[in-house]
Every structure is written in structure tokens, then in C-alpha cells.
Protein backbone atom coordinates (compact mmCIF):
# COMPACT_ATOMS: atom_id res chain seq x y z
CA UNK A 1 -8.24 15.85 -7.07
CA UNK A 2 -7.63 15.52 -3.34
CA UNK A 3 -6.52 11.91 -3.15
CA UNK A 4 -3.58 9.59 -3.34
CA UNK A 5 -2.28 8.67 -6.79
CA UNK A 6 -0.81 5.18 -7.00
CA UNK A 7 1.69 4.30 -9.69
CA UNK A 8 4.50 1.88 -10.47
CA UNK A 9 2.53 -1.26 -11.13
CA UNK A 10 2.94 -3.47 -14.15
CA UNK A 11 3.66 -6.97 -15.38
CA UNK A 12 6.61 -8.72 -13.77
CA UNK A 13 7.90 -12.28 -13.69
CA UNK A 14 7.94 -14.29 -10.46
CA UNK A 15 10.97 -13.36 -8.42
CA UNK A 16 11.06 -9.86 -9.86
CA UNK A 17 10.70 -6.50 -8.15
CA UNK A 18 8.54 -3.40 -8.39
CA UNK A 19 8.40 -0.16 -6.46
CA UNK A 20 4.98 1.36 -6.02
CA UNK A 21 4.48 5.05 -5.33
CA UNK A 22 1.63 6.65 -3.42
CA UNK A 23 1.73 10.38 -4.08
CA UNK A 24 -0.50 12.82 -2.22
CA UNK A 25 -2.31 14.94 -4.79
CA UNK A 26 -3.77 18.22 -3.63
CA UNK A 27 -2.76 17.82 0.00
CA UNK A 28 0.22 17.24 2.26
CA UNK A 29 0.87 13.93 3.98
CA UNK A 30 -0.67 13.97 7.42
CA UNK A 31 0.51 12.47 10.67
CA UNK A 32 -1.84 9.49 10.67
CA UNK A 33 -0.87 6.03 9.53
CA UNK A 34 -0.84 5.31 5.81
CA UNK A 35 -1.68 1.81 4.66
CA UNK A 36 -1.13 -0.07 1.42
CA UNK A 37 -4.03 -2.39 0.59
CA UNK A 38 -4.49 -4.86 -2.23
CA UNK A 39 -7.57 -6.38 -3.81
CA UNK A 40 -7.62 -9.40 -6.10
CA UNK A 41 -10.73 -10.83 -7.81
CA UNK A 42 -12.47 -13.31 -5.54
CA UNK A 43 -10.40 -12.34 -2.52
CA UNK A 44 -10.97 -10.08 0.44
CA UNK A 45 -9.19 -6.78 0.59
CA UNK A 46 -5.91 -7.22 2.42
CA UNK A 47 -3.86 -4.70 4.32
CA UNK A 48 -0.35 -5.22 3.02
CA UNK A 49 1.78 -2.70 4.87
CA UNK A 50 1.55 0.39 7.04
CA UNK A 51 3.80 3.27 7.97
CA UNK A 52 2.81 5.14 11.11
CA UNK A 53 4.11 7.14 14.03
CA UNK A 54 7.17 5.12 14.93
CA UNK A 55 5.60 1.90 13.77
CA UNK A 56 5.29 -0.28 10.69
CA UNK A 57 3.18 -3.25 9.74
CA UNK A 58 3.57 -6.04 7.21
CA UNK A 59 1.13 -8.80 6.45
CA UNK A 60 2.53 -12.27 7.07
CA UNK A 61 2.29 -13.00 3.36
CA UNK A 62 4.78 -10.24 2.48
CA UNK A 63 7.12 -10.13 5.47
CA UNK A 64 10.73 -10.19 4.40
CA UNK A 65 9.84 -9.31 0.80
CA UNK A 66 8.17 -5.89 0.95
CA UNK A 67 9.41 -2.65 2.51
CA UNK A 68 7.44 0.53 3.10
CA UNK A 69 8.99 3.99 3.25
CA UNK A 70 8.05 7.63 2.89
CA UNK A 71 9.63 10.79 1.54
CA UNK A 72 7.93 13.82 3.03
CA UNK A 73 9.83 16.18 0.72
CA UNK A 74 8.21 14.43 -2.24
CA UNK A 75 4.91 13.95 -0.43
CA UNK A 76 5.04 10.28 -1.33
CA UNK A 77 4.89 6.85 0.30
CA UNK A 78 6.60 3.91 -1.39
CA UNK A 79 6.22 0.16 -1.33
CA UNK A 80 9.26 -1.77 -2.48
CA UNK A 81 8.21 -5.27 -3.52
CA UNK A 82 10.86 -7.94 -3.99
CA UNK A 83 10.74 -11.64 -4.81
CA UNK A 84 7.25 -11.23 -6.17
CA UNK A 85 4.94 -14.22 -6.36
CA UNK A 86 1.88 -14.87 -8.53
CA UNK A 87 -0.30 -14.55 -5.43
CA UNK A 88 0.84 -10.92 -5.15
CA UNK A 89 -1.21 -10.14 -8.25
CA UNK A 90 -3.81 -7.52 -7.32
CA UNK A 91 -4.77 -3.89 -7.56
CA UNK A 92 -2.81 -1.98 -4.94
CA UNK A 93 -4.31 1.01 -3.16
CA UNK A 94 -3.09 3.36 -0.47
CA UNK A 95 -5.13 5.31 2.05
CA UNK A 96 -4.71 7.25 5.27
CA UNK A 97 -6.14 6.13 8.59
CA UNK A 98 -8.79 8.56 9.79
CA UNK A 99 -8.15 7.91 13.49
CA UNK A 100 -4.76 6.49 14.36
CA UNK A 101 -1.17 7.62 14.04
CA UNK A 102 0.21 4.19 14.91
CA UNK A 103 -0.07 1.12 12.74
CA UNK A 104 -2.44 -1.61 13.81
CA UNK A 105 -1.46 -5.22 14.32
CA UNK A 106 -3.80 -6.33 11.56
CA UNK A 107 -5.97 -4.94 8.75
CA UNK A 108 -8.23 -7.91 8.06
CA UNK A 109 -11.69 -6.45 8.69
CA UNK A 110 -11.37 -2.74 8.04
CA UNK A 111 -14.15 -0.64 6.51
CA UNK A 112 -13.72 1.97 3.80
CA UNK A 113 -14.76 4.82 6.07
CA UNK A 114 -11.92 4.06 8.47
CA UNK A 115 -9.54 5.38 5.80
CA UNK A 116 -9.48 8.40 3.55
CA UNK A 117 -7.96 9.72 0.32
CA UNK A 118 -8.33 6.42 -1.52
CA UNK A 119 -6.79 6.50 -4.97
CA UNK A 120 -7.68 4.57 -8.12
CA UNK A 121 -5.07 1.90 -7.52
CA UNK A 122 -2.29 0.45 -9.63
CA UNK A 123 -2.37 -3.04 -11.14
CA UNK A 124 0.39 -5.49 -10.26
CA UNK A 125 0.51 -8.70 -12.26
CA UNK A 126 3.06 -11.39 -11.46
CA UNK A 127 3.13 -14.03 -14.17
CA UNK A 128 5.51 -15.98 -16.37
């Protein structure tokens, strides 16, 4: 029960928008960086976006289209996704960095144990 709960995914046409929610269940958001990841079949896990201590991160593939935010009163982190593309199709997860408050410059080769409170993910499918 102590984990993030991702929601907001679904089926959307190319060019559409979705807002994903990452709600802390059974705990309060900490001070460390929180990262949205995505995983598609046959592809490596990709760090999509991060919100940290005075810093943010966006993968090159989503810059200008996605925006990360947090609402501490609701204990939730959001990912607003606009102008969605078929290549955005994936299961989206969020997790908290175990070590760092600031966002990294890349999340290409991270290991599971470097993050905590992984949720079950929410499916995003972009198709027409």
C-alpha cells in the first residue's frame, strides 16, 4: 500500500492530450526528485520527466510537449502530455529518487534500486 498510484492513461488520438497523476498512497511526498518513466514493448525504459529541488528534466523526445508539476496539498505529481504521438505509447510509471533532490541530466541507464515507491503504471495508447 505504500507506493505511488498512477492514473489518467487511456486511448487518445495523435495530437491529443492526457494528464497523468502520480498520487502518493500511504506516505507523504518527500524532498527527493520524482521521475516519470515509460516502458514500451521492445524498448528500453526511458526517463520522461523529473521534478526536483529547484530543477526539472524532460527527455528530448517530449520537450515542448510535456509538463511536470506537483501539488503537495494533494500529495500528487502530474504529467501533462500534449500533442501526443504514437511513439508516446507506453506504460507510464513514477518513482522517487533514493539519493538525490535535484533532477539529473539524463535517465538512460538507471537501475530499479535507484528509485523507490514504484507503482503499477498507467497505460497510454496513442493511435488513430
